[in-house]
Amino acid sequence: MKIVFTTKGNTWDSPMDARFGRADMFVLYDETTDTLETISNSDSVNKEHGVGLQSAKKVLQMEADLIITGNGAGEKALDIFKSSSVKIYVGAGDMTLKEAYEAYKANKLKTQF
């Protein structure tokens, strides 16, 4: 399974970013290979509109199975995810990447849809 985290860093100890569309970066964790890959989301910083949509498309290109974030995705990004198999788990905004992963594994995060 491939999991995308919205983060402010690229290690297991990095703080999560509560935002989806304007997250500093995405970290892709592949459970099969036990690897982390960092994907910059810096191109969303200077945009006024459409960042959620752009970020959703970026996540779909990563072939992720699910997303773990803080507050969840906006309406337009949700429309994209609802037509895919990607699930969004929310409530990890005040955690580290590792804590968020452990919370997901323990079924302590809620799904956005």
PDB file of N, CA and C in Angstrom:
ATOM      1  N   MET A   1       0.837  -1.174   0.000  1.00  0.00           N
ATOM      2  CA  MET A   1       0.000   0.000   0.000  1.00  0.00           C
ATOM      3  C   MET A   1       0.886   1.242   0.000  1.00  0.00           C
ATOM      4  N   LYS A   2       0.445   2.260  -0.746  1.00  0.00           N
ATOM      5  CA  LYS A   2       1.161   3.534  -0.801  1.00  0.00           C
ATOM      6  C   LYS A   2       0.335   4.597  -0.084  1.00  0.00           C
ATOM      7  N   ILE A   3       0.988   5.290   0.841  1.00  0.00           N
ATOM      8  CA  ILE A   3       0.320   6.294   1.664  1.00  0.00           C
ATOM      9  C   ILE A   3       1.008   7.638   1.469  1.00  0.00           C
ATOM     10  N   VAL A   4       0.212   8.673   1.219  1.00  0.00           N
ATOM     11  CA  VAL A   4       0.732  10.030   1.104  1.00  0.00           C
ATOM     12  C   VAL A   4       0.409  10.784   2.390  1.00  0.00           C
ATOM     13  N   PHE A   5       1.428  11.422   2.957  1.00  0.00           N
ATOM     14  CA  PHE A   5       1.279  12.270   4.140  1.00  0.00           C
ATOM     15  C   PHE A   5       1.510  13.719   3.724  1.00  0.00           C
ATOM     16  N   THR A   6       0.727  14.652   4.276  1.00  0.00           N
ATOM     17  CA  THR A   6       1.008  16.076   4.085  1.00  0.00           C
ATOM     18  C   THR A   6       1.911  16.487   5.241  1.00  0.00           C
ATOM     19  N   THR A   7       3.130  16.916   4.929  1.00  0.00           N
ATOM     20  CA  THR A   7       4.109  17.156   5.989  1.00  0.00           C
ATOM     21  C   THR A   7       4.863  18.471   5.812  1.00  0.00           C
ATOM     22  N   LYS A   8       5.631  18.780   6.852  1.00  0.00           N
ATOM     23  CA  LYS A   8       6.521  19.940   6.833  1.00  0.00           C
ATOM     24  C   LYS A   8       7.979  19.488   6.855  1.00  0.00           C
ATOM     25  N   GLY A   9       8.217  18.237   6.551  1.00  0.00           N
ATOM     26  CA  GLY A   9       9.568  17.692   6.530  1.00  0.00           C
ATOM     27  C   GLY A   9       9.577  16.352   5.835  1.00  0.00           C
ATOM     28  N   ASN A  10      10.741  15.703   5.810  1.00  0.00           N
ATOM     29  CA  ASN A  10      10.855  14.469   5.032  1.00  0.00           C
ATOM     30  C   ASN A  10      11.307  13.245   5.823  1.00  0.00           C
ATOM     31  N   THR A  11      11.126  13.276   7.149  1.00  0.00           N
ATOM     32  CA  THR A  11      11.493  12.121   7.970  1.00  0.00           C
ATOM     33  C   THR A  11      10.290  11.685   8.796  1.00  0.00           C
ATOM     34  N   TRP A  12      10.404  10.537   9.438  1.00  0.00           N
ATOM     35  CA  TRP A  12       9.337  10.029  10.305  1.00  0.00           C
ATOM     36  C   TRP A  12       9.058  10.983  11.472  1.00  0.00           C
ATOM     37  N   ASP A  13      10.044  11.784  11.872  1.00  0.00           N
ATOM     38  CA  ASP A  13       9.868  12.712  12.993  1.00  0.00           C
ATOM     39  C   ASP A  13       9.367  14.092  12.563  1.00  0.00           C
ATOM     40  N   SER A  14       9.130  14.287  11.286  1.00  0.00           N
ATOM     41  CA  SER A  14       8.657  15.580  10.781  1.00  0.00           C
ATOM     42  C   SER A  14       7.224  15.836  11.222  1.00  0.00           C
ATOM     43  N   PRO A  15       6.895  17.115  11.475  1.00  0.00           N
ATOM     44  CA  PRO A  15       5.511  17.433  11.819  1.00  0.00           C
ATOM     45  C   PRO A  15       4.613  17.336  10.595  1.00  0.00           C
ATOM     46  N   MET A  16       3.400  16.905  10.817  1.00  0.00           N
ATOM     47  CA  MET A  16       2.409  16.870   9.756  1.00  0.00           C
ATOM     48  C   MET A  16       2.015  18.299   9.412  1.00  0.00           C
ATOM     49  N   ASP A  17       1.554  18.504   8.206  1.00  0.00           N
ATOM     50  CA  ASP A  17       0.986  19.774   7.783  1.00  0.00           C
ATOM     51  C   ASP A  17      -0.526  19.560   7.753  1.00  0.00           C
ATOM     52  N   ALA A  18      -1.250  20.347   8.504  1.00  0.00           N
ATOM     53  CA  ALA A  18      -2.704  20.172   8.597  1.00  0.00           C
ATOM     54  C   ALA A  18      -3.411  20.458   7.278  1.00  0.00           C
ATOM     55  N   ARG A  19      -2.752  21.200   6.392  1.00  0.00           N
ATOM     56  CA  ARG A  19      -3.355  21.576   5.112  1.00  0.00           C
ATOM     57  C   ARG A  19      -3.130  20.481   4.078  1.00  0.00           C
ATOM     58  N   PHE A  20      -4.038  20.387   3.122  1.00  0.00           N
ATOM     59  CA  PHE A  20      -3.824  19.471   2.005  1.00  0.00           C
ATOM     60  C   PHE A  20      -3.269  20.226   0.797  1.00  0.00           C
ATOM     61  N   GLY A  21      -4.052  21.096   0.223  1.00  0.00           N
ATOM     62  CA  GLY A  21      -3.649  21.774  -1.013  1.00  0.00           C
ATOM     63  C   GLY A  21      -2.393  22.606  -0.886  1.00  0.00           C
ATOM     64  N   ARG A  22      -2.230  23.258   0.236  1.00  0.00           N
ATOM     65  CA  ARG A  22      -1.062  24.119   0.456  1.00  0.00           C
ATOM     66  C   ARG A  22      -0.017  23.486   1.378  1.00  0.00           C
ATOM     67  N   ALA A  23      -0.062  22.189   1.521  1.00  0.00           N
ATOM     68  CA  ALA A  23       0.938  21.494   2.336  1.00  0.00           C
ATOM     69  C   ALA A  23       2.334  21.796   1.798  1.00  0.00           C
ATOM     70  N   ASP A  24       3.309  21.923   2.702  1.00  0.00           N
ATOM     71  CA  ASP A  24       4.687  22.185   2.271  1.00  0.00           C
ATOM     72  C   ASP A  24       5.189  21.111   1.324  1.00  0.00           C
ATOM     73  N   MET A  25       4.904  19.866   1.692  1.00  0.00           N
ATOM     74  CA  MET A  25       5.363  18.757   0.869  1.00  0.00           C
ATOM     75  C   MET A  25       4.515  17.528   1.121  1.00  0.00           C
ATOM     76  N   PHE A  26       4.663  16.566   0.254  1.00  0.00           N
ATOM     77  CA  PHE A  26       4.040  15.261   0.415  1.00  0.00           C
ATOM     78  C   PHE A  26       5.152  14.249   0.637  1.00  0.00           C
ATOM     79  N   VAL A  27       4.902  13.323   1.544  1.00  0.00           N
ATOM     80  CA  VAL A  27       5.816  12.202   1.712  1.00  0.00           C
ATOM     81  C   VAL A  27       5.035  10.947   1.340  1.00  0.00           C
ATOM     82  N   LEU A  28       5.571  10.202   0.400  1.00  0.00           N
ATOM     83  CA  LEU A  28       4.963   8.964  -0.056  1.00  0.00           C
ATOM     84  C   LEU A  28       5.659   7.803   0.638  1.00  0.00           C
ATOM     85  N   TYR A  29       4.885   7.041   1.405  1.00  0.00           N
ATOM     86  CA  TYR A  29       5.425   5.863   2.085  1.00  0.00           C
ATOM     87  C   TYR A  29       4.904   4.623   1.382  1.00  0.00           C
ATOM     88  N   ASP A  30       5.809   3.787   0.923  1.00  0.00           N
ATOM     89  CA  ASP A  30       5.456   2.526   0.285  1.00  0.00           C
ATOM     90  C   ASP A  30       5.651   1.417   1.317  1.00  0.00           C
ATOM     91  N   GLU A  31       4.553   0.856   1.800  1.00  0.00           N
ATOM     92  CA  GLU A  31       4.645  -0.188   2.829  1.00  0.00           C
ATOM     93  C   GLU A  31       5.332  -1.448   2.299  1.00  0.00           C
ATOM     94  N   THR A  32       5.206  -1.723   1.019  1.00  0.00           N
ATOM     95  CA  THR A  32       5.807  -2.924   0.445  1.00  0.00           C
ATOM     96  C   THR A  32       7.327  -2.861   0.470  1.00  0.00           C
ATOM     97  N   THR A  33       7.884  -1.709   0.124  1.00  0.00           N
ATOM     98  CA  THR A  33       9.343  -1.563   0.071  1.00  0.00           C
ATOM     99  C   THR A  33       9.905  -0.865   1.308  1.00  0.00           C
ATOM    100  N   ASP A  34       9.020  -0.375   2.187  1.00  0.00           N
ATOM    101  CA  ASP A  34       9.400   0.338   3.412  1.00  0.00           C
ATOM    102  C   ASP A  34      10.293   1.545   3.088  1.00  0.00           C
ATOM    103  N   THR A  35       9.863   2.328   2.083  1.00  0.00           N
ATOM    104  CA  THR A  35      10.637   3.493   1.674  1.00  0.00           C
ATOM    105  C   THR A  35       9.791   4.762   1.750  1.00  0.00           C
ATOM    106  N   LEU A  36      10.469   5.878   2.004  1.00  0.00           N
ATOM    107  CA  LEU A  36       9.851   7.197   2.001  1.00  0.00           C
ATOM    108  C   LEU A  36      10.380   7.978   0.803  1.00  0.00           C
ATOM    109  N   GLU A  37       9.491   8.679   0.117  1.00  0.00           N
ATOM    110  CA  GLU A  37       9.881   9.532  -0.996  1.00  0.00           C
ATOM    111  C   GLU A  37       9.250  10.901  -0.766  1.00  0.00           C
ATOM    112  N   THR A  38      10.032  11.948  -0.895  1.00  0.00           N
ATOM    113  CA  THR A  38       9.543  13.302  -0.676  1.00  0.00           C
ATOM    114  C   THR A  38       9.204  13.960  -2.015  1.00  0.00           C
ATOM    115  N   ILE A  39       8.013  14.560  -2.059  1.00  0.00           N
ATOM    116  CA  ILE A  39       7.563  15.266  -3.247  1.00  0.00           C
ATOM    117  C   ILE A  39       7.246  16.704  -2.840  1.00  0.00           C
ATOM    118  N   SER A  40       7.938  17.655  -3.414  1.00  0.00           N
ATOM    119  CA  SER A  40       7.727  19.059  -3.081  1.00  0.00           C
ATOM    120  C   SER A  40       6.343  19.522  -3.541  1.00  0.00           C
ATOM    121  N   ASN A  41       5.751  20.381  -2.755  1.00  0.00           N
ATOM    122  CA  ASN A  41       4.489  21.004  -3.136  1.00  0.00           C
ATOM    123  C   ASN A  41       4.661  22.525  -3.133  1.00  0.00           C
ATOM    124  N   SER A  42       5.897  22.975  -3.292  1.00  0.00           N
ATOM    125  CA  SER A  42       6.209  24.407  -3.222  1.00  0.00           C
ATOM    126  C   SER A  42       5.550  25.215  -4.327  1.00  0.00           C
ATOM    127  N   ASP A  43       5.161  24.551  -5.414  1.00  0.00           N
ATOM    128  CA  ASP A  43       4.517  25.279  -6.506  1.00  0.00           C
ATOM    129  C   ASP A  43       3.130  25.793  -6.119  1.00  0.00           C
ATOM    130  N   SER A  44       2.595  25.350  -4.987  1.00  0.00           N
ATOM    131  CA  SER A  44       1.270  25.812  -4.545  1.00  0.00           C
ATOM    132  C   SER A  44       1.334  27.093  -3.726  1.00  0.00           C
ATOM    133  N   VAL A  45       2.520  27.483  -3.291  1.00  0.00           N
ATOM    134  CA  VAL A  45       2.670  28.617  -2.378  1.00  0.00           C
ATOM    135  C   VAL A  45       2.173  29.924  -2.976  1.00  0.00           C
ATOM    136  N   ASN A  46       2.518  30.217  -4.198  1.00  0.00           N
ATOM    137  CA  ASN A  46       2.200  31.511  -4.792  1.00  0.00           C
ATOM    138  C   ASN A  46       0.898  31.545  -5.587  1.00  0.00           C
ATOM    139  N   LYS A  47       0.200  30.435  -5.640  1.00  0.00           N
ATOM    140  CA  LYS A  47      -1.063  30.406  -6.385  1.00  0.00           C
ATOM    141  C   LYS A  47      -2.210  30.851  -5.483  1.00  0.00           C
ATOM    142  N   GLU A  48      -3.125  31.592  -6.065  1.00  0.00           N
ATOM    143  CA  GLU A  48      -4.273  32.068  -5.297  1.00  0.00           C
ATOM    144  C   GLU A  48      -5.408  31.060  -5.288  1.00  0.00           C
ATOM    145  N   HIS A  49      -5.617  30.371  -6.410  1.00  0.00           N
ATOM    146  CA  HIS A  49      -6.748  29.464  -6.538  1.00  0.00           C
ATOM    147  C   HIS A  49      -6.307  28.155  -7.184  1.00  0.00           C
ATOM    148  N   GLY A  50      -7.058  27.096  -6.912  1.00  0.00           N
ATOM    149  CA  GLY A  50      -6.838  25.828  -7.596  1.00  0.00           C
ATOM    150  C   GLY A  50      -5.743  24.954  -7.033  1.00  0.00           C
ATOM    151  N   VAL A  51      -5.200  25.304  -5.871  1.00  0.00           N
ATOM    152  CA  VAL A  51      -4.095  24.504  -5.347  1.00  0.00           C
ATOM    153  C   VAL A  51      -4.555  23.122  -4.891  1.00  0.00           C
ATOM    154  N   GLY A  52      -5.757  23.033  -4.362  1.00  0.00           N
ATOM    155  CA  GLY A  52      -6.278  21.732  -3.938  1.00  0.00           C
ATOM    156  C   GLY A  52      -6.438  20.800  -5.112  1.00  0.00           C
ATOM    157  N   LEU A  53      -6.951  21.332  -6.200  1.00  0.00           N
ATOM    158  CA  LEU A  53      -7.129  20.561  -7.421  1.00  0.00           C
ATOM    159  C   LEU A  53      -5.786  20.104  -7.977  1.00  0.00           C
ATOM    160  N   GLN A  54      -4.829  21.006  -8.003  1.00  0.00           N
ATOM    161  CA  GLN A  54      -3.481  20.683  -8.484  1.00  0.00           C
ATOM    162  C   GLN A  54      -2.829  19.624  -7.591  1.00  0.00           C
ATOM    163  N   SER A  55      -2.979  19.767  -6.281  1.00  0.00           N
ATOM    164  CA  SER A  55      -2.398  18.800  -5.347  1.00  0.00           C
ATOM    165  C   SER A  55      -3.060  17.436  -5.477  1.00  0.00           C
ATOM    166  N   ALA A  56      -4.366  17.418  -5.706  1.00  0.00           N
ATOM    167  CA  ALA A  56      -5.074  16.151  -5.895  1.00  0.00           C
ATOM    168  C   ALA A  56      -4.546  15.414  -7.120  1.00  0.00           C
ATOM    169  N   LYS A  57      -4.341  16.143  -8.194  1.00  0.00           N
ATOM    170  CA  LYS A  57      -3.801  15.527  -9.412  1.00  0.00           C
ATOM    171  C   LYS A  57      -2.393  14.986  -9.171  1.00  0.00           C
ATOM    172  N   LYS A  58      -1.606  15.722  -8.396  1.00  0.00           N
ATOM    173  CA  LYS A  58      -0.242  15.291  -8.077  1.00  0.00           C
ATOM    174  C   LYS A  58      -0.270  13.973  -7.287  1.00  0.00           C
ATOM    175  N   VAL A  59      -1.175  13.888  -6.320  1.00  0.00           N
ATOM    176  CA  VAL A  59      -1.289  12.671  -5.505  1.00  0.00           C
ATOM    177  C   VAL A  59      -1.735  11.491  -6.369  1.00  0.00           C
ATOM    178  N   LEU A  60      -2.663  11.716  -7.280  1.00  0.00           N
ATOM    179  CA  LEU A  60      -3.107  10.628  -8.151  1.00  0.00           C
ATOM    180  C   LEU A  60      -1.964  10.116  -9.027  1.00  0.00           C
ATOM    181  N   GLN A  61      -1.072  11.006  -9.443  1.00  0.00           N
ATOM    182  CA  GLN A  61       0.079  10.588 -10.239  1.00  0.00           C
ATOM    183  C   GLN A  61       1.036   9.713  -9.436  1.00  0.00           C
ATOM    184  N   MET A  62       1.007   9.862  -8.110  1.00  0.00           N
ATOM    185  CA  MET A  62       1.861   9.047  -7.237  1.00  0.00           C
ATOM    186  C   MET A  62       1.307   7.636  -7.046  1.00  0.00           C
ATOM    187  N   GLU A  63       0.104   7.410  -7.547  1.00  0.00           N
ATOM    188  CA  GLU A  63      -0.573   6.122  -7.419  1.00  0.00           C
ATOM    189  C   GLU A  63      -0.751   5.719  -5.957  1.00  0.00           C
ATOM    190  N   ALA A  64      -1.119   6.694  -5.138  1.00  0.00           N
ATOM    191  CA  ALA A  64      -1.334   6.446  -3.710  1.00  0.00           C
ATOM    192  C   ALA A  64      -2.666   5.750  -3.486  1.00  0.00           C
ATOM    193  N   ASP A  65      -2.721   4.971  -2.415  1.00  0.00           N
ATOM    194  CA  ASP A  65      -3.957   4.307  -2.023  1.00  0.00           C
ATOM    195  C   ASP A  65      -4.747   5.164  -1.038  1.00  0.00           C
ATOM    196  N   LEU A  66      -4.017   5.953  -0.242  1.00  0.00           N
ATOM    197  CA  LEU A  66      -4.684   6.810   0.730  1.00  0.00           C
ATOM    198  C   LEU A  66      -3.814   7.989   1.103  1.00  0.00           C
ATOM    199  N   ILE A  67      -4.480   8.989   1.689  1.00  0.00           N
ATOM    200  CA  ILE A  67      -3.823  10.218   2.127  1.00  0.00           C
ATOM    201  C   ILE A  67      -4.091  10.382   3.609  1.00  0.00           C
ATOM    202  N   ILE A  68      -3.063  10.779   4.338  1.00  0.00           N
ATOM    203  CA  ILE A  68      -3.217  11.119   5.745  1.00  0.00           C
ATOM    204  C   ILE A  68      -2.836  12.582   5.892  1.00  0.00           C
ATOM    205  N   THR A  69      -3.770  13.377   6.442  1.00  0.00           N
ATOM    206  CA  THR A  69      -3.577  14.814   6.563  1.00  0.00           C
ATOM    207  C   THR A  69      -4.251  15.319   7.831  1.00  0.00           C
ATOM    208  N   GLY A  70      -4.271  16.631   7.974  1.00  0.00           N
ATOM    209  CA  GLY A  70      -4.882  17.222   9.158  1.00  0.00           C
ATOM    210  C   GLY A  70      -6.345  17.548   8.955  1.00  0.00           C
ATOM    211  N   ASN A  71      -6.610  18.601   8.186  1.00  0.00           N
ATOM    212  CA  ASN A  71      -7.972  19.104   8.034  1.00  0.00           C
ATOM    213  C   ASN A  71      -8.724  18.536   6.845  1.00  0.00           C
ATOM    214  N   GLY A  72      -8.053  17.893   5.940  1.00  0.00           N
ATOM    215  CA  GLY A  72      -8.715  17.319   4.779  1.00  0.00           C
ATOM    216  C   GLY A  72      -8.612  18.184   3.543  1.00  0.00           C
ATOM    217  N   ALA A  73      -9.142  17.677   2.470  1.00  0.00           N
ATOM    218  CA  ALA A  73      -9.086  18.347   1.172  1.00  0.00           C
ATOM    219  C   ALA A  73     -10.316  19.214   0.973  1.00  0.00           C
ATOM    220  N   GLY A  74     -10.184  20.204   0.104  1.00  0.00           N
ATOM    221  CA  GLY A  74     -11.299  21.074  -0.237  1.00  0.00           C
ATOM    222  C   GLY A  74     -12.270  20.390  -1.186  1.00  0.00           C
ATOM    223  N   GLU A  75     -13.346  21.076  -1.469  1.00  0.00           N
ATOM    224  CA  GLU A  75     -14.445  20.509  -2.253  1.00  0.00           C
ATOM    225  C   GLU A  75     -14.033  20.030  -3.641  1.00  0.00           C
ATOM    226  N   LYS A  76     -13.246  20.821  -4.365  1.00  0.00           N
ATOM    227  CA  LYS A  76     -12.853  20.440  -5.726  1.00  0.00           C
ATOM    228  C   LYS A  76     -11.904  19.244  -5.723  1.00  0.00           C
ATOM    229  N   ALA A  77     -10.982  19.222  -4.767  1.00  0.00           N
ATOM    230  CA  ALA A  77     -10.079  18.075  -4.650  1.00  0.00           C
ATOM    231  C   ALA A  77     -10.866  16.831  -4.259  1.00  0.00           C
ATOM    232  N   LEU A  78     -11.837  16.993  -3.375  1.00  0.00           N
ATOM    233  CA  LEU A  78     -12.667  15.851  -2.963  1.00  0.00           C
ATOM    234  C   LEU A  78     -13.411  15.245  -4.145  1.00  0.00           C
ATOM    235  N   ASP A  79     -13.891  16.086  -5.035  1.00  0.00           N
ATOM    236  CA  ASP A  79     -14.589  15.584  -6.221  1.00  0.00           C
ATOM    237  C   ASP A  79     -13.692  14.649  -7.023  1.00  0.00           C
ATOM    238  N   ILE A  80     -12.417  15.003  -7.125  1.00  0.00           N
ATOM    239  CA  ILE A  80     -11.466  14.147  -7.845  1.00  0.00           C
ATOM    240  C   ILE A  80     -11.271  12.827  -7.106  1.00  0.00           C
ATOM    241  N   PHE A  81     -11.075  12.902  -5.803  1.00  0.00           N
ATOM    242  CA  PHE A  81     -10.825  11.686  -5.032  1.00  0.00           C
ATOM    243  C   PHE A  81     -12.041  10.774  -4.961  1.00  0.00           C
ATOM    244  N   LYS A  82     -13.213  11.357  -4.958  1.00  0.00           N
ATOM    245  CA  LYS A  82     -14.441  10.542  -4.907  1.00  0.00           C
ATOM    246  C   LYS A  82     -14.611   9.706  -6.172  1.00  0.00           C
ATOM    247  N   SER A  83     -14.032  10.139  -7.268  1.00  0.00           N
ATOM    248  CA  SER A  83     -14.124   9.364  -8.505  1.00  0.00           C
ATOM    249  C   SER A  83     -12.926   8.417  -8.668  1.00  0.00           C
ATOM    250  N   SER A  84     -12.098   8.326  -7.633  1.00  0.00           N
ATOM    251  CA  SER A  84     -10.953   7.408  -7.641  1.00  0.00           C
ATOM    252  C   SER A  84     -11.096   6.454  -6.457  1.00  0.00           C
ATOM    253  N   SER A  85     -10.094   5.651  -6.246  1.00  0.00           N
ATOM    254  CA  SER A  85     -10.120   4.725  -5.107  1.00  0.00           C
ATOM    255  C   SER A  85      -9.346   5.269  -3.909  1.00  0.00           C
ATOM    256  N   VAL A  86      -8.818   6.488  -4.004  1.00  0.00           N
ATOM    257  CA  VAL A  86      -8.013   7.086  -2.936  1.00  0.00           C
ATOM    258  C   VAL A  86      -8.919   7.520  -1.784  1.00  0.00           C
ATOM    259  N   LYS A  87      -8.570   7.135  -0.577  1.00  0.00           N
ATOM    260  CA  LYS A  87      -9.296   7.536   0.626  1.00  0.00           C
ATOM    261  C   LYS A  87      -8.480   8.578   1.380  1.00  0.00           C
ATOM    262  N   ILE A  88      -9.177   9.484   2.066  1.00  0.00           N
ATOM    263  CA  ILE A  88      -8.507  10.534   2.828  1.00  0.00           C
ATOM    264  C   ILE A  88      -8.817  10.342   4.309  1.00  0.00           C
ATOM    265  N   TYR A  89      -7.754  10.302   5.099  1.00  0.00           N
ATOM    266  CA  TYR A  89      -7.881  10.203   6.554  1.00  0.00           C
ATOM    267  C   TYR A  89      -7.441  11.526   7.162  1.00  0.00           C
ATOM    268  N   VAL A  90      -8.257  12.051   8.073  1.00  0.00           N
ATOM    269  CA  VAL A  90      -8.009  13.364   8.668  1.00  0.00           C
ATOM    270  C   VAL A  90      -7.831  13.247  10.177  1.00  0.00           C
ATOM    271  N   GLY A  91      -7.317  14.335  10.761  1.00  0.00           N
ATOM    272  CA  GLY A  91      -7.147  14.397  12.205  1.00  0.00           C
ATOM    273  C   GLY A  91      -5.714  14.249  12.661  1.00  0.00           C
ATOM    274  N   ALA A  92      -4.769  14.294  11.720  1.00  0.00           N
ATOM    275  CA  ALA A  92      -3.367  14.080  12.056  1.00  0.00           C
ATOM    276  C   ALA A  92      -2.555  15.372  12.061  1.00  0.00           C
ATOM    277  N   GLY A  93      -3.215  16.515  12.106  1.00  0.00           N
ATOM    278  CA  GLY A  93      -2.538  17.792  11.979  1.00  0.00           C
ATOM    279  C   GLY A  93      -1.548  18.126  13.074  1.00  0.00           C
ATOM    280  N   ASP A  94      -1.755  17.612  14.277  1.00  0.00           N
ATOM    281  CA  ASP A  94      -0.862  17.918  15.403  1.00  0.00           C
ATOM    282  C   ASP A  94       0.089  16.776  15.722  1.00  0.00           C
ATOM    283  N   MET A  95       0.354  15.917  14.757  1.00  0.00           N
ATOM    284  CA  MET A  95       1.192  14.737  14.978  1.00  0.00           C
ATOM    285  C   MET A  95       2.466  14.820  14.144  1.00  0.00           C
ATOM    286  N   THR A  96       3.390  13.918  14.436  1.00  0.00           N
ATOM    287  CA  THR A  96       4.518  13.705  13.541  1.00  0.00           C
ATOM    288  C   THR A  96       4.064  12.704  12.482  1.00  0.00           C
ATOM    289  N   LEU A  97       4.849  12.551  11.447  1.00  0.00           N
ATOM    290  CA  LEU A  97       4.531  11.589  10.407  1.00  0.00           C
ATOM    291  C   LEU A  97       4.391  10.187  11.006  1.00  0.00           C
ATOM    292  N   LYS A  98       5.294   9.815  11.883  1.00  0.00           N
ATOM    293  CA  LYS A  98       5.248   8.490  12.506  1.00  0.00           C
ATOM    294  C   LYS A  98       4.003   8.323  13.374  1.00  0.00           C
ATOM    295  N   GLU A  99       3.667   9.345  14.152  1.00  0.00           N
ATOM    296  CA  GLU A  99       2.467   9.283  14.995  1.00  0.00           C
ATOM    297  C   GLU A  99       1.208   9.167  14.131  1.00  0.00           C
ATOM    298  N   ALA A 100       1.192   9.871  13.019  1.00  0.00           N
ATOM    299  CA  ALA A 100       0.044   9.812  12.109  1.00  0.00           C
ATOM    300  C   ALA A 100      -0.105   8.415  11.513  1.00  0.00           C
ATOM    301  N   TYR A 101       1.007   7.813  11.138  1.00  0.00           N
ATOM    302  CA  TYR A 101       0.972   6.451  10.587  1.00  0.00           C
ATOM    303  C   TYR A 101       0.475   5.470  11.645  1.00  0.00           C
ATOM    304  N   GLU A 102       0.979   5.601  12.853  1.00  0.00           N
ATOM    305  CA  GLU A 102       0.541   4.716  13.941  1.00  0.00           C
ATOM    306  C   GLU A 102      -0.940   4.923  14.267  1.00  0.00           C
ATOM    307  N   ALA A 103      -1.405   6.172  14.230  1.00  0.00           N
ATOM    308  CA  ALA A 103      -2.825   6.457  14.476  1.00  0.00           C
ATOM    309  C   ALA A 103      -3.692   5.830  13.382  1.00  0.00           C
ATOM    310  N   TYR A 104      -3.233   5.886  12.150  1.00  0.00           N
ATOM    311  CA  TYR A 104      -3.964   5.251  11.052  1.00  0.00           C
ATOM    312  C   TYR A 104      -4.034   3.742  11.273  1.00  0.00           C
ATOM    313  N   LYS A 105      -2.909   3.140  11.587  1.00  0.00           N
ATOM    314  CA  LYS A 105      -2.864   1.684  11.789  1.00  0.00           C
ATOM    315  C   LYS A 105      -3.759   1.252  12.951  1.00  0.00           C
ATOM    316  N   ALA A 106      -3.924   2.128  13.947  1.00  0.00           N
ATOM    317  CA  ALA A 106      -4.753   1.812  15.121  1.00  0.00           C
ATOM    318  C   ALA A 106      -6.207   2.270  14.926  1.00  0.00           C
ATOM    319  N   ASN A 107      -6.566   2.655  13.705  1.00  0.00           N
ATOM    320  CA  ASN A 107      -7.922   3.115  13.386  1.00  0.00           C
ATOM    321  C   ASN A 107      -8.380   4.293  14.225  1.00  0.00           C
ATOM    322  N   LYS A 108      -7.465   5.227  14.502  1.00  0.00           N
ATOM    323  CA  LYS A 108      -7.782   6.406  15.313  1.00  0.00           C
ATOM    324  C   LYS A 108      -8.032   7.651  14.472  1.00  0.00           C
ATOM    325  N   LEU A 109      -7.906   7.559  13.171  1.00  0.00           N
ATOM    326  CA  LEU A 109      -8.179   8.693  12.287  1.00  0.00           C
ATOM    327  C   LEU A 109      -9.521   8.487  11.610  1.00  0.00           C
ATOM    328  N   LYS A 110     -10.171   9.586  11.276  1.00  0.00           N
ATOM    329  CA  LYS A 110     -11.467   9.525  10.598  1.00  0.00           C
ATOM    330  C   LYS A 110     -11.265   9.689   9.097  1.00  0.00           C
ATOM    331  N   THR A 111     -12.170   9.103   8.336  1.00  0.00           N
ATOM    332  CA  THR A 111     -12.131   9.312   6.892  1.00  0.00           C
ATOM    333  C   THR A 111     -12.908  10.584   6.570  1.00  0.00           C
ATOM    334  N   GLN A 112     -12.451  11.291   5.550  1.00  0.00           N
ATOM    335  CA  GLN A 112     -13.110  12.534   5.167  1.00  0.00           C
ATOM    336  C   GLN A 112     -14.401  12.250   4.386  1.00  0.00           C
ATOM    337  N   PHE A 113     -14.425  11.167   3.636  1.00  0.00           N
ATOM    338  CA  PHE A 113     -15.659  10.811   2.909  1.00  0.00           C
ATOM    339  C   PHE A 113     -15.801   9.317   2.873  1.00  0.00           C
TER     340      PHE A 113
END
